[in-house]
């Protein structure tokens, strides 16, 4: 029997925060399960850009998320997909979220209503690029599609700031110290999928058909052949954290008339990690400046640090692209101009938008402004990413990911590739350049988008005496909620004391 594939549609924006949205409709096929697309929009004026994938700037409101059922009986919650962090947790605190109404509109998990919960006595504080959360670890049953995962360690929110939804982390263990299995580990060990691999397809800002497929690839959602890129060892990265780091070996710009500029061969070799939890991409200053100076109409705004595009409507039908090269010219992802911009909710009815990149010389990231144009398979077991140009050519065609070195098939997409540039020149990123155009108007007021690289701080703490064998201990040794009056209610009450630690972490 083929390994079971799970294809979970990413939630697509389009509905107001207060409007009820349908839950996922699950359909089964031979060897796969797919959940239907749901709409999540937490700001009335947001471009349909992500549905919850991000720890994105919650000011803009759309995020890439999937529905996960938690507990017994199942309670459905929506979780942001984050490839930049490994933890899974539910129940943000809504009155301190920067979109309180959106947070309150989401369904919540009630620990007291679940008979499968078992407390661990362990708490943690996780600080993200923007926002933080204090959590209580519990063992719980999860359902993704029609697959059931038992005894998964998850976090239940005690206190949080600036985060309106729970998070489904899909990154590796960033520092190698985790003492319990993350969700991909459990899915593989319980034979839900054959290996720790999944594919991610965020889609266009106006396309609601994005999906994450655990244990499979959809060849109907990309063009060309999946190209294998090795994940860099932590010692090869700027931070030493184990994430989905690969080498970016070139940057280019293709104009609507087909004329193209790109960096000369061997001009750059920049470690970047792919983070669905980041609204924007962050690249070294010379690359940021070169992209901004070459992007049609972009003007640098010194007050915000962004490049502003005064009229985003002009990009809607543009055939220009920002081009990213990996492994020399082996893999090329071309991001349409219309996908490489960001329009925060604060822009109101203005036609202005911001270029989807910021300077970062310490921890370069390719966020959603890149991922919307890429089809990516994340293979933790073989420490590799497989990338291709995202496309859509009709019905899905799911292919299972197996085990071993060649677990991810070297598949060719069913979609037709886009036209190639007609000419090529040099894009100079040898040194930081002055902006060629400056913005003198009033740019949309924004704060730095959430989506800084995964969690920047995680501090495990115990509220009691945890099982000495750690969080990976069999569920039978944990305190059962229904076996003692205190249970999780007692543990969650410890949140008041933990808030002090949370506030300290939040200010660091």
Foldseek 3Di string as FASTA:
>chain_A
DFFAKEKEFWAWADDELQDDKDAWDWDDDVRYIYTDHIHWFHFPDAQRFAAAQALWFCLQGHHTWGWKFWAVVTDIWIAHEKQQAFAFEWDEDLVQAPRNSNLVSTTGDDPVVHQQKFFFLKWKWFFFPAKIFIWGWIFIWMDRRNDIFGRAIHTYTLYMHHGSTTHHYLWPQFQPPDLADTPLRRCCVVSNAAASKKKWARAFSNDRGTIIMGQWDWLQWFAFWWDKFFQDQLVPALPSTGGRKGWFQKKKKQFLVQEMEMADGNLGTHIAGEIQRYQFWAEAQLVQQLCQQPQPQWAAEPVVQWTKRQALVVQPPGPMWIWIDGPGNRAIFTQRQNLQWGAGSLCPPGRMITGRYGYDPRHTYHYSSRSNQKIWMQGPVQRIIIIGGTDHDDDTDMDGQHDDNCRDPRDGHPDDDDDHRPYYHHRDSNDRDDRPHHDDDDDRDDDRIGRDRYTPDMDMDGSDDGDVSPSHDDSVPGHRCVVDVPTVVVVSVCSVVCVVVNVVVNVD
